[in-house]
Amino acid sequence: MISKPHNLTYLFCLVFIFYQGYSSFAQVGIGNTSPNSDALLEVGDGTDTGGVILPRVALTATDNFSPMSAHIQGMSVYNTAINGTGYTAVSPGQYYNNGTNWKRVGSNEDLIDSVTLAADYSLGTGAFSDVPDMSLTFVARKTTVLIILSGSGDTNATLATGIGDFQVYNVTDNSTFGGTHEKLTTWDDVYGIRGAAWSINFTKPLIGLTIGNSYTIKVQALFDPTLTYVGIPAKLQIFPVTSPGDHHLTLSVMQ
């Protein structure tokens, strides 16, 4: 076995010779005279204070094999560059190749940050207002992320017809990012007053981000009852505590 040579080039030449010329030697140890029987190569003996440095390269994008000549399944490198856009962007870190793409080591394929409404909430007539505790701050790992807003609820029975709007507001650059426009009604010509259940689903990419920077978004809501019955004012309702089976509001960032 090989024990701590001084010349790294010489070391790997010897490892290559061992593999080519001596098939009976199934294991090779570097700094270890008794490598694990299940390992083709074991570095160190457990008392070491150093590590292994991977080749450092500048990747172009996760779907681009450059600077290699092709995608090679199992290849590992340390990327030094910030390149690419959207979901193919790369940033400094360890990557491996699965045969068709580079994958960053130690991160989920789709990293999701989210916040969910945790208390009952009702909204009366008025302009857009912040939904309590529905603000989300995230650190960009890519230049493009996907913003997802989903929810469901109802209105009280005093509403005849109206509009319920939800929007995602970009706090970082003080702009409205986008949202939903929901027609609400409790009136039916046959049955009269009925419950006004509603659901929303909004998805849109947020582009032009700087990797490593923090961004904050929040949910705002507006309720415009165009026709109400006499009595208690109509309200838009989301009751995740009282009615968790069919009421919820969740804001997510996927990257």
Protein backbone atom coordinates (compact mmCIF):
# COMPACT_ATOMS: atom_id res chain seq x y z
CA MET A 1 0.00 0.00 0.00
CA ILE A 2 1.06 3.65 -0.44
CA SER A 3 1.85 5.81 2.60
CA LYS A 4 2.00 9.62 2.31
CA PRO A 5 4.22 10.26 -0.75
CA HIS A 6 5.67 13.74 -1.19
CA ASN A 7 4.96 14.08 -4.88
CA LEU A 8 1.21 14.15 -5.77
CA THR A 9 1.82 13.39 -9.44
CA TYR A 10 3.98 10.42 -8.54
CA LEU A 11 1.31 9.26 -6.12
CA PHE A 12 -1.49 9.14 -8.69
CA CYS A 13 0.79 7.48 -11.23
CA LEU A 14 1.40 4.69 -8.74
CA VAL A 15 -2.36 4.39 -8.10
CA PHE A 16 -2.92 4.08 -11.84
CA ILE A 17 -0.22 1.40 -12.11
CA PHE A 18 -1.81 -0.54 -9.28
CA TYR A 19 -5.14 -0.60 -11.11
CA GLN A 20 -3.64 -1.49 -14.48
CA GLY A 21 -1.04 -4.06 -13.52
CA TYR A 22 -2.20 -5.73 -10.37
CA SER A 23 -5.83 -6.76 -10.56
CA SER A 24 -5.42 -8.83 -7.41
CA PHE A 25 -5.05 -5.63 -5.36
CA ALA A 26 -8.71 -4.49 -5.12
CA GLN A 27 -8.12 -1.67 -2.61
CA VAL A 28 -5.70 1.25 -2.57
CA GLY A 29 -4.90 3.37 0.47
CA ILE A 30 -3.38 6.86 0.53
CA GLY A 31 -2.02 7.52 3.99
CA ASN A 32 -3.63 4.26 5.02
CA THR A 33 -2.06 0.81 4.96
CA SER A 34 -5.38 -0.99 5.58
CA PRO A 35 -8.06 0.54 3.33
CA ASN A 36 -11.66 -0.54 3.76
CA SER A 37 -12.42 -3.73 1.86
CA ASP A 38 -15.45 -2.11 0.22
CA ALA A 39 -13.46 0.89 -1.02
CA LEU A 40 -11.43 0.97 -4.23
CA LEU A 41 -9.58 3.98 -2.80
CA GLU A 42 -9.41 5.27 0.79
CA VAL A 43 -7.64 8.51 1.68
CA GLY A 44 -6.33 8.93 5.24
CA ASP A 45 -6.45 6.75 8.32
CA GLY A 46 -8.91 8.70 10.45
CA THR A 47 -6.29 10.78 12.24
CA ASP A 48 -5.70 13.26 9.42
CA THR A 49 -6.16 17.03 9.63
CA GLY A 50 -6.43 17.72 5.90
CA GLY A 51 -8.90 17.11 3.11
CA VAL A 52 -9.16 16.42 -0.61
CA ILE A 53 -9.37 19.39 -2.99
CA LEU A 54 -11.41 18.75 -6.12
CA PRO A 55 -10.43 20.20 -9.49
CA ARG A 56 -11.54 23.86 -9.64
CA VAL A 57 -13.28 24.81 -12.88
CA ALA A 58 -15.55 27.57 -14.18
CA LEU A 59 -18.87 26.02 -15.21
CA THR A 60 -21.09 27.84 -17.72
CA ALA A 61 -24.55 26.50 -16.80
CA THR A 62 -26.05 23.36 -15.32
CA ASP A 63 -27.14 22.14 -18.77
CA ASN A 64 -23.79 22.96 -20.43
CA PHE A 65 -20.94 20.43 -20.10
CA SER A 66 -18.28 23.15 -20.69
CA PRO A 67 -15.38 23.24 -19.91
CA MET A 68 -15.58 19.45 -20.32
CA SER A 69 -15.99 17.88 -23.75
CA ALA A 70 -19.25 16.14 -22.75
CA HIS A 71 -21.50 15.37 -19.78
CA ILE A 72 -19.74 12.56 -17.90
CA GLN A 73 -21.86 10.75 -15.32
CA GLY A 74 -20.21 10.66 -11.89
CA MET A 75 -17.72 13.49 -12.48
CA SER A 76 -17.25 15.88 -9.54
CA VAL A 77 -15.74 19.36 -9.60
CA TYR A 78 -15.67 22.56 -7.58
CA ASN A 79 -17.21 25.40 -9.58
CA THR A 80 -15.61 28.83 -9.12
CA ALA A 81 -17.89 30.90 -11.37
CA ILE A 82 -21.24 32.69 -11.27
CA ASN A 83 -22.73 32.03 -14.70
CA GLY A 84 -25.99 31.31 -16.48
CA THR A 85 -29.51 32.59 -15.94
CA GLY A 86 -32.72 31.20 -14.50
CA TYR A 87 -32.84 27.59 -13.42
CA THR A 88 -29.60 26.72 -15.24
CA ALA A 89 -27.50 29.26 -13.31
CA VAL A 90 -24.44 28.09 -11.39
CA SER A 91 -22.69 29.63 -8.39
CA PRO A 92 -19.50 28.72 -6.48
CA GLY A 93 -19.74 25.29 -4.89
CA GLN A 94 -19.31 21.56 -5.44
CA TYR A 95 -21.12 20.00 -8.41
CA TYR A 96 -21.48 16.49 -9.79
CA ASN A 97 -22.64 15.42 -13.23
CA ASN A 98 -25.55 12.98 -13.68
CA GLY A 99 -24.84 12.37 -17.36
CA THR A 100 -27.07 15.16 -18.67
CA ASN A 101 -26.65 18.05 -16.20
CA TRP A 102 -24.50 19.46 -13.43
CA LYS A 103 -26.11 19.16 -9.98
CA ARG A 104 -25.04 21.17 -6.96
CA VAL A 105 -24.00 19.03 -3.99
CA GLY A 106 -25.70 19.60 -0.64
CA SER A 107 -28.79 21.41 -1.89
CA ASN A 108 -32.29 20.30 -2.74
CA GLU A 109 -33.17 20.07 -6.41
CA ASP A 110 -35.97 22.55 -5.77
CA LEU A 111 -35.34 24.67 -2.70
CA ILE A 112 -38.63 26.04 -1.36
CA ASP A 113 -39.18 28.82 1.17
CA SER A 114 -42.76 29.40 2.27
CA VAL A 115 -45.02 31.10 4.78
CA THR A 116 -48.58 30.05 5.64
CA LEU A 117 -51.38 32.00 7.29
CA ALA A 118 -51.60 30.67 10.84
CA ALA A 119 -54.52 32.66 12.28
CA ASP A 120 -58.13 33.28 11.25
CA TYR A 121 -58.41 36.37 9.05
CA SER A 122 -61.31 38.41 7.69
CA LEU A 123 -61.27 41.48 5.46
CA GLY A 124 -63.92 44.12 4.93
CA THR A 125 -64.35 46.72 2.20
CA GLY A 126 -61.28 48.77 1.34
CA ALA A 127 -58.08 49.16 -0.67
CA PHE A 128 -55.26 46.62 -0.76
CA SER A 129 -53.90 45.91 2.72
CA ASP A 130 -51.22 43.58 4.07
CA VAL A 131 -52.36 40.14 5.18
CA PRO A 132 -50.88 39.74 8.69
CA ASP A 133 -47.71 37.64 8.95
CA MET A 134 -47.72 36.82 5.23
CA SER A 135 -44.27 38.28 4.48
CA LEU A 136 -41.42 36.12 3.17
CA THR A 137 -37.68 36.93 2.92
CA PHE A 138 -35.41 34.64 0.88
CA VAL A 139 -31.82 34.56 -0.36
CA ALA A 140 -31.53 34.12 -4.14
CA ARG A 141 -29.61 31.03 -5.23
CA LYS A 142 -30.59 31.63 -8.84
CA THR A 143 -31.28 34.67 -10.98
CA THR A 144 -34.87 33.51 -11.53
CA VAL A 145 -37.23 32.05 -8.91
CA LEU A 146 -40.84 30.92 -9.07
CA ILE A 147 -43.39 32.73 -6.88
CA ILE A 148 -46.46 30.68 -5.90
CA LEU A 149 -49.53 31.94 -4.05
CA SER A 150 -52.39 29.57 -3.25
CA GLY A 151 -55.37 29.83 -0.97
CA SER A 152 -59.04 29.16 -0.33
CA GLY A 153 -61.82 30.58 1.83
CA ASP A 154 -65.32 32.04 1.67
CA THR A 155 -67.41 35.12 2.55
CA ASN A 156 -70.12 35.61 5.11
CA ALA A 157 -73.73 35.22 4.00
CA THR A 158 -74.44 38.97 3.73
CA LEU A 159 -72.57 39.18 0.42
CA ALA A 160 -74.57 39.03 -2.81
CA THR A 161 -71.80 39.67 -5.32
CA GLY A 162 -68.32 41.10 -5.13
CA ILE A 163 -64.65 40.86 -6.03
CA GLY A 164 -61.79 39.41 -3.98
CA ASP A 165 -58.24 40.22 -5.06
CA PHE A 166 -54.90 38.92 -3.77
CA GLN A 167 -51.54 40.23 -4.92
CA VAL A 168 -47.87 39.58 -4.24
CA TYR A 169 -45.99 42.77 -3.44
CA ASN A 170 -42.22 43.00 -3.97
CA VAL A 171 -41.04 44.90 -0.89
CA THR A 172 -37.43 45.02 -2.10
CA ASP A 173 -38.18 47.19 -5.13
CA ASN A 174 -41.58 48.57 -3.99
CA SER A 175 -43.62 47.14 -6.83
CA THR A 176 -46.62 44.88 -7.36
CA PHE A 177 -45.44 41.58 -8.75
CA GLY A 178 -48.82 40.13 -9.76
CA GLY A 179 -51.92 38.51 -8.34
CA THR A 180 -55.43 37.11 -8.75
CA HIS A 181 -58.90 38.52 -9.46
CA GLU A 182 -61.75 36.42 -8.07
CA LYS A 183 -65.48 36.96 -8.66
CA LEU A 184 -67.50 36.14 -5.55
CA THR A 185 -71.25 35.50 -5.29
CA THR A 186 -73.66 33.96 -2.80
CA TRP A 187 -76.80 34.39 -4.89
CA ASP A 188 -78.47 31.70 -6.93
CA ASP A 189 -81.76 32.26 -8.80
CA VAL A 190 -83.07 28.88 -7.71
CA TYR A 191 -81.80 28.45 -4.18
CA GLY A 192 -81.21 32.05 -3.13
CA ILE A 193 -78.43 32.68 -0.61
CA ARG A 194 -75.59 30.15 -0.74
CA GLY A 195 -72.04 30.06 0.57
CA ALA A 196 -69.42 31.90 -1.50
CA ALA A 197 -66.44 29.57 -1.49
CA TRP A 198 -63.38 30.68 -3.46
CA SER A 199 -59.90 29.41 -4.26
CA ILE A 200 -56.84 31.03 -5.85
CA ASN A 201 -53.67 29.78 -7.51
CA PHE A 202 -51.06 32.24 -8.77
CA THR A 203 -47.68 31.26 -10.23
CA LYS A 204 -45.15 33.54 -11.91
CA PRO A 205 -41.34 33.71 -12.33
CA LEU A 206 -39.49 36.56 -10.65
CA ILE A 207 -36.46 37.36 -12.83
CA GLY A 208 -33.35 39.54 -12.70
CA LEU A 209 -32.25 38.59 -9.19
CA THR A 210 -28.67 38.77 -7.92
CA ILE A 211 -27.40 35.50 -6.46
CA GLY A 212 -26.65 35.90 -2.77
CA ASN A 213 -28.91 38.92 -2.25
CA SER A 214 -31.96 38.91 0.04
CA TYR A 215 -35.44 39.73 -1.26
CA THR A 216 -38.73 40.25 0.56
CA ILE A 217 -42.24 39.70 -0.78
CA LYS A 218 -45.61 39.86 0.96
CA VAL A 219 -49.31 39.16 0.35
CA GLN A 220 -51.90 41.92 0.12
CA ALA A 221 -55.68 41.52 -0.21
CA LEU A 222 -58.64 43.63 -1.32
CA PHE A 223 -62.37 42.98 -0.90
CA ASP A 224 -64.94 44.88 -2.98
CA PRO A 225 -68.54 43.77 -2.26
CA THR A 226 -70.52 45.23 -5.15
CA LEU A 227 -73.88 44.13 -3.70
CA THR A 228 -74.73 43.18 -0.13
CA TYR A 229 -77.82 42.30 1.86
CA VAL A 230 -79.09 44.42 4.73
CA GLY A 231 -77.40 43.51 7.99
CA ILE A 232 -73.82 42.72 9.01
CA PRO A 233 -71.25 44.05 6.47
CA ALA A 234 -69.90 41.41 4.10
CA LYS A 235 -66.38 40.12 4.74
CA LEU A 236 -63.81 38.01 2.94
CA GLN A 237 -62.80 35.13 5.20
CA ILE A 238 -59.80 32.81 5.55
CA PHE A 239 -60.12 30.64 8.66
CA PRO A 240 -57.16 28.18 8.75
CA VAL A 241 -57.72 27.61 12.48
CA THR A 242 -61.51 27.30 12.54
CA SER A 243 -61.83 25.54 9.15
CA PRO A 244 -58.42 23.99 8.36
CA GLY A 245 -59.96 21.48 5.95
CA ASP A 246 -60.85 24.05 3.30
CA HIS A 247 -59.32 27.40 4.34
CA HIS A 248 -55.66 28.25 3.81
CA LEU A 249 -53.24 30.83 2.33
CA THR A 250 -49.63 29.99 1.42
CA LEU A 251 -46.89 32.03 -0.25
CA SER A 252 -43.88 30.12 -1.59
CA VAL A 253 -40.61 30.76 -3.43
CA MET A 254 -39.18 27.85 -5.45
CA GLN A 255 -35.60 28.00 -6.71
